[in-house]
Amino acid sequence: MPITRWEPFQDIELWEPFGLQPMREIERMQQRMNRIFDRLMPTVDREVSGLSFVPSAEMEETDQAVILKLEIPGMEAKDLHVEVTEDTVSIRGERKSETKTEEKGMVRSEFRYGMFERVIPLPVHVQNDKVTAEYKHGILCLTLPKAEEAKKTVVKVNLD
């Protein structure tokens, strides 16, 4: 007698007389799991869903400084609070947004409010008293000069 591999979902119709519908049960379980993950980490636009906003960040390290860019559209510089320690950057703010549209005699108005905070660890120590910042077109650019001990210095080694 040959040994064959058992494929439990190959003959689904064999399950139905017993009141079992494994594919429907798997689909229901997947839907439940999707709802749980959507609550924790929404895949839709976070602003629309009403959950908190987390700005995207991009970091570049040069010989002299760390350059950190954050995407924070729709805000004014006065609404941002930036703190820099020697090894972290903390950005806080509050978004206030209102949209109003009128079409065919109907008015649609939406308000979005919410606080956000992002703490970004830095790869090296920086001189936090010499940080420069620029906020233009929704992009916050921080130039964080490296501390003297963090700069990569090249030392020539004499061989005897």
N, C-alpha and C. Protein backbone atom coordinates (compact mmCIF):
# COMPACT_ATOMS: atom_id res chain seq x y z
N MET A 1 0.85 -1.17 0.00
CA MET A 1 0.00 0.00 0.00
C MET A 1 0.89 1.23 0.00
N PRO A 2 0.68 2.17 -0.94
CA PRO A 2 1.53 3.36 -1.00
C PRO A 2 1.17 4.35 0.10
N ILE A 3 2.16 5.07 0.55
CA ILE A 3 1.94 6.12 1.55
C ILE A 3 1.67 7.41 0.80
N THR A 4 0.55 8.05 1.13
CA THR A 4 0.19 9.31 0.49
C THR A 4 0.05 10.39 1.55
N ARG A 5 0.27 11.57 1.14
CA ARG A 5 0.17 12.72 2.03
C ARG A 5 -1.30 13.09 2.23
N TRP A 6 -1.68 13.34 3.49
CA TRP A 6 -3.06 13.72 3.79
C TRP A 6 -3.21 15.22 3.56
N GLU A 7 -4.14 15.60 2.73
CA GLU A 7 -4.44 17.00 2.43
C GLU A 7 -5.82 17.29 3.01
N PRO A 8 -5.91 17.89 4.20
CA PRO A 8 -7.22 18.04 4.87
C PRO A 8 -8.20 18.94 4.13
N PHE A 9 -7.73 19.90 3.33
CA PHE A 9 -8.65 20.81 2.67
C PHE A 9 -8.87 20.45 1.21
N GLN A 10 -8.33 19.31 0.79
CA GLN A 10 -8.47 18.90 -0.60
C GLN A 10 -9.93 18.59 -0.94
N ASP A 11 -10.59 17.89 -0.08
CA ASP A 11 -11.98 17.51 -0.31
C ASP A 11 -12.87 18.19 0.73
N ILE A 12 -13.11 19.48 0.54
CA ILE A 12 -13.90 20.27 1.49
C ILE A 12 -15.31 19.71 1.65
N GLU A 13 -15.87 19.22 0.55
CA GLU A 13 -17.25 18.73 0.62
C GLU A 13 -17.39 17.55 1.59
N LEU A 14 -16.30 16.87 1.91
CA LEU A 14 -16.36 15.76 2.88
C LEU A 14 -16.59 16.27 4.29
N TRP A 15 -16.23 17.51 4.56
CA TRP A 15 -16.38 18.07 5.90
C TRP A 15 -17.80 18.53 6.19
N GLU A 16 -18.51 18.97 5.17
CA GLU A 16 -19.81 19.62 5.36
C GLU A 16 -20.88 18.71 5.98
N PRO A 17 -20.94 17.40 5.69
CA PRO A 17 -21.95 16.58 6.37
C PRO A 17 -21.77 16.55 7.88
N PHE A 18 -20.59 16.84 8.35
CA PHE A 18 -20.33 16.85 9.79
C PHE A 18 -20.53 18.23 10.40
N GLY A 19 -21.00 19.16 9.60
CA GLY A 19 -21.24 20.52 10.10
C GLY A 19 -19.97 21.35 10.18
N LEU A 20 -18.91 20.89 9.56
CA LEU A 20 -17.64 21.61 9.61
C LEU A 20 -17.41 22.35 8.30
N GLN A 21 -17.03 23.60 8.42
CA GLN A 21 -16.70 24.41 7.25
C GLN A 21 -15.37 25.10 7.54
N PRO A 22 -14.28 24.36 7.36
CA PRO A 22 -12.98 24.91 7.79
C PRO A 22 -12.58 26.18 7.08
N MET A 23 -12.88 26.33 5.82
CA MET A 23 -12.47 27.53 5.11
C MET A 23 -13.21 28.76 5.63
N ARG A 24 -14.48 28.60 5.96
CA ARG A 24 -15.23 29.74 6.53
C ARG A 24 -14.71 30.10 7.91
N GLU A 25 -14.37 29.08 8.69
CA GLU A 25 -13.83 29.34 10.02
C GLU A 25 -12.48 30.06 9.92
N ILE A 26 -11.65 29.63 8.99
CA ILE A 26 -10.35 30.29 8.79
C ILE A 26 -10.56 31.73 8.34
N GLU A 27 -11.52 31.96 7.47
CA GLU A 27 -11.80 33.31 7.00
C GLU A 27 -12.30 34.20 8.14
N ARG A 28 -13.17 33.67 8.99
CA ARG A 28 -13.66 34.44 10.15
C ARG A 28 -12.52 34.77 11.11
N MET A 29 -11.64 33.80 11.33
CA MET A 29 -10.51 34.03 12.22
C MET A 29 -9.58 35.10 11.62
N GLN A 30 -9.37 35.07 10.32
CA GLN A 30 -8.53 36.07 9.67
C GLN A 30 -9.15 37.46 9.80
N GLN A 31 -10.46 37.56 9.64
CA GLN A 31 -11.13 38.85 9.79
C GLN A 31 -10.98 39.39 11.20
N ARG A 32 -11.10 38.52 12.20
CA ARG A 32 -10.93 38.95 13.59
C ARG A 32 -9.50 39.44 13.84
N MET A 33 -8.53 38.69 13.32
CA MET A 33 -7.14 39.09 13.50
C MET A 33 -6.87 40.43 12.79
N ASN A 34 -7.43 40.60 11.60
CA ASN A 34 -7.26 41.87 10.88
C ASN A 34 -7.81 43.03 11.68
N ARG A 35 -8.98 42.85 12.30
CA ARG A 35 -9.56 43.91 13.12
C ARG A 35 -8.66 44.26 14.30
N ILE A 36 -8.09 43.24 14.93
CA ILE A 36 -7.19 43.48 16.07
C ILE A 36 -5.97 44.27 15.61
N PHE A 37 -5.34 43.86 14.51
CA PHE A 37 -4.16 44.56 14.03
C PHE A 37 -4.49 45.96 13.52
N ASP A 38 -5.67 46.15 12.92
CA ASP A 38 -6.06 47.48 12.47
C ASP A 38 -6.22 48.44 13.64
N ARG A 39 -6.66 47.92 14.77
CA ARG A 39 -6.78 48.79 15.95
C ARG A 39 -5.41 49.17 16.49
N LEU A 40 -4.47 48.22 16.43
CA LEU A 40 -3.13 48.49 16.95
C LEU A 40 -2.29 49.30 15.99
N MET A 41 -2.27 48.91 14.71
CA MET A 41 -1.47 49.57 13.68
C MET A 41 -2.31 49.73 12.43
N PRO A 42 -3.05 50.82 12.31
CA PRO A 42 -3.91 50.98 11.15
C PRO A 42 -3.11 51.09 9.85
N THR A 43 -3.62 50.43 8.82
CA THR A 43 -2.96 50.51 7.52
C THR A 43 -3.53 51.64 6.68
N VAL A 44 -4.68 52.17 7.08
CA VAL A 44 -5.27 53.30 6.37
C VAL A 44 -4.63 54.57 6.88
N ASP A 45 -4.97 55.70 6.29
CA ASP A 45 -4.44 56.99 6.70
C ASP A 45 -4.76 57.22 8.18
N ARG A 46 -3.73 57.37 8.98
CA ARG A 46 -3.92 57.47 10.42
C ARG A 46 -4.70 58.72 10.81
N GLU A 47 -4.59 59.77 10.01
CA GLU A 47 -5.33 60.98 10.34
C GLU A 47 -6.83 60.76 10.17
N VAL A 48 -7.21 60.04 9.13
CA VAL A 48 -8.62 59.80 8.87
C VAL A 48 -9.21 58.90 9.93
N SER A 49 -8.45 57.90 10.38
CA SER A 49 -8.97 56.96 11.36
C SER A 49 -9.04 57.57 12.75
N GLY A 50 -8.44 58.75 12.96
CA GLY A 50 -8.51 59.40 14.25
C GLY A 50 -7.43 58.97 15.22
N LEU A 51 -6.54 58.10 14.79
CA LEU A 51 -5.48 57.66 15.68
C LEU A 51 -4.31 58.63 15.59
N SER A 52 -3.36 58.45 16.48
CA SER A 52 -2.27 59.41 16.57
C SER A 52 -1.41 59.44 15.32
N PHE A 53 -0.77 60.56 15.14
CA PHE A 53 0.09 60.81 13.99
C PHE A 53 1.54 60.64 14.43
N VAL A 54 2.34 59.95 13.64
CA VAL A 54 3.76 59.79 13.92
C VAL A 54 4.52 60.29 12.70
N PRO A 55 5.31 61.36 12.84
CA PRO A 55 6.01 61.89 11.67
C PRO A 55 7.09 60.93 11.17
N SER A 56 7.22 60.86 9.85
CA SER A 56 8.26 60.05 9.23
C SER A 56 9.60 60.76 9.41
N ALA A 57 10.67 59.98 9.54
CA ALA A 57 11.98 60.56 9.78
C ALA A 57 13.02 59.94 8.85
N GLU A 58 14.04 60.76 8.55
CA GLU A 58 15.16 60.31 7.73
C GLU A 58 16.43 60.87 8.39
N MET A 59 17.42 59.99 8.60
CA MET A 59 18.64 60.41 9.28
C MET A 59 19.85 60.12 8.40
N GLU A 60 20.77 61.09 8.37
CA GLU A 60 22.01 60.93 7.60
C GLU A 60 23.17 61.36 8.49
N GLU A 61 24.23 60.56 8.48
CA GLU A 61 25.40 60.89 9.29
C GLU A 61 26.55 61.27 8.37
N THR A 62 27.12 62.43 8.61
CA THR A 62 28.31 62.87 7.87
C THR A 62 29.49 62.85 8.85
N ASP A 63 30.67 63.27 8.37
CA ASP A 63 31.83 63.31 9.25
C ASP A 63 31.68 64.32 10.38
N GLN A 64 30.95 65.41 10.10
CA GLN A 64 30.85 66.49 11.07
C GLN A 64 29.54 66.55 11.84
N ALA A 65 28.45 65.98 11.28
CA ALA A 65 27.14 66.15 11.91
C ALA A 65 26.19 65.00 11.57
N VAL A 66 25.09 65.00 12.29
CA VAL A 66 23.96 64.12 11.99
C VAL A 66 22.85 65.03 11.48
N ILE A 67 22.29 64.68 10.33
CA ILE A 67 21.22 65.49 9.75
C ILE A 67 19.93 64.68 9.86
N LEU A 68 18.96 65.26 10.54
CA LEU A 68 17.69 64.59 10.79
C LEU A 68 16.58 65.38 10.12
N LYS A 69 15.81 64.72 9.26
CA LYS A 69 14.67 65.37 8.60
C LYS A 69 13.40 64.66 9.03
N LEU A 70 12.39 65.46 9.36
CA LEU A 70 11.09 64.91 9.75
C LEU A 70 10.01 65.53 8.90
N GLU A 71 9.08 64.71 8.47
CA GLU A 71 7.96 65.17 7.65
C GLU A 71 6.79 65.48 8.58
N ILE A 72 6.49 66.78 8.70
CA ILE A 72 5.41 67.23 9.59
C ILE A 72 4.57 68.25 8.83
N PRO A 73 3.78 67.81 7.85
CA PRO A 73 3.03 68.76 7.04
C PRO A 73 1.84 69.37 7.79
N GLY A 74 1.46 70.55 7.33
CA GLY A 74 0.26 71.19 7.84
C GLY A 74 0.39 71.80 9.21
N MET A 75 1.60 72.01 9.67
CA MET A 75 1.80 72.62 10.99
C MET A 75 2.65 73.88 10.84
N GLU A 76 2.59 74.70 11.85
CA GLU A 76 3.43 75.89 11.89
C GLU A 76 4.57 75.64 12.87
N ALA A 77 5.68 76.32 12.64
CA ALA A 77 6.86 76.12 13.49
C ALA A 77 6.56 76.41 14.96
N LYS A 78 5.69 77.37 15.23
CA LYS A 78 5.38 77.72 16.62
C LYS A 78 4.64 76.60 17.35
N ASP A 79 4.05 75.65 16.62
CA ASP A 79 3.31 74.54 17.23
C ASP A 79 4.20 73.32 17.49
N LEU A 80 5.49 73.41 17.12
CA LEU A 80 6.41 72.30 17.33
C LEU A 80 7.31 72.57 18.53
N HIS A 81 7.58 71.52 19.30
CA HIS A 81 8.47 71.62 20.46
C HIS A 81 9.57 70.59 20.25
N VAL A 82 10.81 71.06 20.09
CA VAL A 82 11.95 70.19 19.81
C VAL A 82 12.94 70.30 20.95
N GLU A 83 13.35 69.14 21.49
CA GLU A 83 14.36 69.09 22.54
C GLU A 83 15.46 68.14 22.10
N VAL A 84 16.71 68.52 22.33
CA VAL A 84 17.84 67.70 21.94
C VAL A 84 18.73 67.49 23.14
N THR A 85 19.03 66.23 23.45
CA THR A 85 20.04 65.89 24.45
C THR A 85 21.26 65.43 23.67
N GLU A 86 22.28 64.99 24.35
CA GLU A 86 23.48 64.57 23.63
C GLU A 86 23.28 63.28 22.83
N ASP A 87 22.21 62.51 23.14
CA ASP A 87 22.02 61.26 22.40
C ASP A 87 20.59 61.00 21.91
N THR A 88 19.67 61.96 22.08
CA THR A 88 18.30 61.79 21.58
C THR A 88 17.72 63.12 21.10
N VAL A 89 16.72 63.00 20.23
CA VAL A 89 15.95 64.16 19.77
C VAL A 89 14.49 63.84 20.06
N SER A 90 13.79 64.79 20.67
CA SER A 90 12.37 64.62 20.98
C SER A 90 11.58 65.72 20.28
N ILE A 91 10.58 65.31 19.53
CA ILE A 91 9.73 66.27 18.80
C ILE A 91 8.30 66.06 19.26
N ARG A 92 7.66 67.14 19.70
CA ARG A 92 6.25 67.09 20.12
C ARG A 92 5.49 68.18 19.40
N GLY A 93 4.22 67.95 19.25
CA GLY A 93 3.38 68.97 18.65
C GLY A 93 1.92 68.58 18.74
N GLU A 94 1.09 69.49 18.31
CA GLU A 94 -0.35 69.22 18.29
C GLU A 94 -0.87 69.64 16.93
N ARG A 95 -1.54 68.70 16.29
CA ARG A 95 -2.13 68.98 14.98
C ARG A 95 -3.54 69.48 15.16
N LYS A 96 -3.84 70.53 14.44
CA LYS A 96 -5.19 71.07 14.43
C LYS A 96 -5.53 71.29 12.97
N SER A 97 -6.51 70.58 12.49
CA SER A 97 -6.84 70.68 11.08
C SER A 97 -8.35 70.74 10.91
N GLU A 98 -8.77 71.59 9.99
CA GLU A 98 -10.19 71.72 9.70
C GLU A 98 -10.35 71.82 8.19
N THR A 99 -11.26 71.00 7.66
CA THR A 99 -11.57 71.09 6.23
C THR A 99 -13.07 71.31 6.10
N LYS A 100 -13.41 72.14 5.13
CA LYS A 100 -14.83 72.45 4.91
C LYS A 100 -15.06 72.51 3.40
N THR A 101 -16.02 71.72 2.93
CA THR A 101 -16.35 71.73 1.50
C THR A 101 -17.85 71.91 1.33
N GLU A 102 -18.20 72.59 0.26
CA GLU A 102 -19.61 72.78 -0.07
C GLU A 102 -19.85 72.25 -1.47
N GLU A 103 -20.83 71.35 -1.59
CA GLU A 103 -21.20 70.80 -2.88
C GLU A 103 -22.71 70.64 -2.95
N LYS A 104 -23.30 71.15 -3.99
CA LYS A 104 -24.73 70.99 -4.26
C LYS A 104 -25.59 71.29 -3.02
N GLY A 105 -25.25 72.38 -2.34
CA GLY A 105 -26.05 72.80 -1.20
C GLY A 105 -25.73 72.07 0.09
N MET A 106 -24.78 71.14 0.09
CA MET A 106 -24.41 70.41 1.31
C MET A 106 -23.04 70.88 1.78
N VAL A 107 -22.91 70.98 3.09
CA VAL A 107 -21.65 71.41 3.69
C VAL A 107 -21.06 70.22 4.45
N ARG A 108 -19.80 69.95 4.18
CA ARG A 108 -19.11 68.88 4.89
C ARG A 108 -17.92 69.51 5.62
N SER A 109 -17.86 69.29 6.93
CA SER A 109 -16.80 69.87 7.73
C SER A 109 -16.17 68.78 8.58
N GLU A 110 -14.84 68.74 8.59
CA GLU A 110 -14.12 67.75 9.39
C GLU A 110 -13.06 68.45 10.22
N PHE A 111 -12.93 68.02 11.45
CA PHE A 111 -11.92 68.53 12.36
C PHE A 111 -11.02 67.38 12.77
N ARG A 112 -9.72 67.63 12.80
CA ARG A 112 -8.77 66.62 13.25
C ARG A 112 -7.83 67.28 14.24
N TYR A 113 -7.79 66.71 15.43
CA TYR A 113 -6.90 67.22 16.46
C TYR A 113 -6.12 66.04 17.02
N GLY A 114 -4.95 66.31 17.52
CA GLY A 114 -4.21 65.25 18.16
C GLY A 114 -2.78 65.64 18.46
N MET A 115 -2.32 65.16 19.60
CA MET A 115 -0.94 65.38 20.02
C MET A 115 -0.09 64.25 19.44
N PHE A 116 1.17 64.56 19.19
CA PHE A 116 2.10 63.52 18.79
C PHE A 116 3.43 63.78 19.46
N GLU A 117 4.20 62.73 19.60
CA GLU A 117 5.56 62.84 20.12
C GLU A 117 6.39 61.73 19.52
N ARG A 118 7.60 62.06 19.16
CA ARG A 118 8.52 61.05 18.65
C ARG A 118 9.89 61.32 19.26
N VAL A 119 10.47 60.28 19.85
CA VAL A 119 11.80 60.36 20.43
C VAL A 119 12.71 59.50 19.56
N ILE A 120 13.77 60.10 19.04
CA ILE A 120 14.67 59.41 18.12
C ILE A 120 16.05 59.31 18.74
N PRO A 121 16.54 58.09 18.96
CA PRO A 121 17.90 57.95 19.48
C PRO A 121 18.92 58.27 18.39
N LEU A 122 19.99 58.91 18.78
CA LEU A 122 21.02 59.30 17.82
C LEU A 122 22.16 58.27 17.83
N PRO A 123 22.81 58.07 16.69
CA PRO A 123 23.87 57.06 16.61
C PRO A 123 25.17 57.48 17.31
N VAL A 124 25.35 58.79 17.52
CA VAL A 124 26.55 59.32 18.18
C VAL A 124 26.13 60.46 19.10
N HIS A 125 27.05 60.87 19.97
CA HIS A 125 26.79 62.03 20.82
C HIS A 125 26.93 63.30 19.99
N VAL A 126 26.05 64.27 20.28
CA VAL A 126 26.06 65.53 19.54
C VAL A 126 26.22 66.70 20.51
N GLN A 127 26.58 67.85 19.94
CA GLN A 127 26.68 69.09 20.72
C GLN A 127 25.29 69.73 20.70
N ASN A 128 24.49 69.44 21.71
CA ASN A 128 23.09 69.88 21.69
C ASN A 128 22.94 71.39 21.81
N ASP A 129 23.97 72.12 22.19
CA ASP A 129 23.88 73.57 22.27
C ASP A 129 24.20 74.25 20.94
N LYS A 130 24.56 73.46 19.90
CA LYS A 130 24.91 74.03 18.60
C LYS A 130 24.02 73.50 17.48
N VAL A 131 22.86 73.03 17.83
CA VAL A 131 21.93 72.48 16.84
C VAL A 131 21.28 73.61 16.06
N THR A 132 21.15 73.43 14.75
CA THR A 132 20.42 74.39 13.94
C THR A 132 19.19 73.70 13.35
N ALA A 133 18.12 74.47 13.18
CA ALA A 133 16.87 73.90 12.69
C ALA A 133 16.28 74.79 11.61
N GLU A 134 15.61 74.14 10.66
CA GLU A 134 14.91 74.85 9.61
C GLU A 134 13.61 74.10 9.34
N TYR A 135 12.50 74.84 9.30
CA TYR A 135 11.20 74.23 9.02
C TYR A 135 10.61 74.92 7.81
N LYS A 136 10.54 74.17 6.69
CA LYS A 136 10.05 74.76 5.45
C LYS A 136 9.25 73.72 4.68
N HIS A 137 8.08 74.11 4.21
CA HIS A 137 7.22 73.25 3.39
C HIS A 137 6.91 71.92 4.06
N GLY A 138 6.69 71.95 5.37
CA GLY A 138 6.31 70.75 6.10
C GLY A 138 7.46 69.81 6.44
N ILE A 139 8.70 70.21 6.18
CA ILE A 139 9.86 69.38 6.49
C ILE A 139 10.70 70.10 7.55
N LEU A 140 10.92 69.43 8.68
CA LEU A 140 11.78 69.94 9.72
C LEU A 140 13.16 69.33 9.51
N CYS A 141 14.17 70.16 9.36
CA CYS A 141 15.54 69.69 9.13
C CYS A 141 16.41 70.16 10.30
N LEU A 142 16.96 69.20 11.03
CA LEU A 142 17.84 69.50 12.15
C LEU A 142 19.27 69.10 11.78
N THR A 143 20.20 70.01 12.00
CA THR A 143 21.61 69.70 11.81
C THR A 143 22.23 69.63 13.20
N LEU A 144 22.69 68.44 13.55
CA LEU A 144 23.19 68.17 14.89
C LEU A 144 24.70 67.93 14.82
N PRO A 145 25.53 68.95 15.16
CA PRO A 145 26.98 68.76 15.08
C PRO A 145 27.45 67.68 16.06
N LYS A 146 28.36 66.84 15.60
CA LYS A 146 28.87 65.77 16.46
C LYS A 146 29.75 66.35 17.56
N ALA A 147 29.72 65.66 18.71
CA ALA A 147 30.63 66.02 19.79
C ALA A 147 32.04 65.66 19.36
N GLU A 148 33.02 66.34 19.91
CA GLU A 148 34.41 66.14 19.48
C GLU A 148 34.85 64.68 19.60
N GLU A 149 34.45 64.00 20.67
CA GLU A 149 34.88 62.61 20.83
C GLU A 149 34.18 61.68 19.84
N ALA A 150 33.06 62.12 19.26
CA ALA A 150 32.33 61.28 18.32
C ALA A 150 32.84 61.42 16.89
N LYS A 151 33.56 62.50 16.62
CA LYS A 151 34.09 62.69 15.26
C LYS A 151 35.16 61.65 14.98
N LYS A 152 35.12 61.15 13.81
CA LYS A 152 36.10 60.13 13.43
C LYS A 152 37.38 60.83 13.00
N THR A 153 38.39 60.65 13.80
CA THR A 153 39.67 61.25 13.47
C THR A 153 40.62 60.16 13.00
N VAL A 154 41.44 60.51 12.08
CA VAL A 154 42.42 59.56 11.55
C VAL A 154 43.77 59.89 12.16
N VAL A 155 44.39 58.90 12.73
CA VAL A 155 45.70 59.08 13.34
C VAL A 155 46.68 58.17 12.63
N LYS A 156 47.80 58.74 12.21
CA LYS A 156 48.83 57.95 11.53
C LYS A 156 49.62 57.18 12.59
N VAL A 157 49.79 55.91 12.34
CA VAL A 157 50.52 55.06 13.25
C VAL A 157 51.89 54.78 12.64
N ASN A 158 52.92 55.07 13.40
CA ASN A 158 54.28 54.82 12.93
C ASN A 158 54.66 53.37 13.18
N LEU A 159 55.19 52.76 12.17
CA LEU A 159 55.66 51.38 12.29
C LEU A 159 57.17 51.38 12.39
N ASP A 160 57.72 50.66 13.30
CA ASP A 160 59.18 50.60 13.47
C ASP A 160 59.80 49.57 12.57
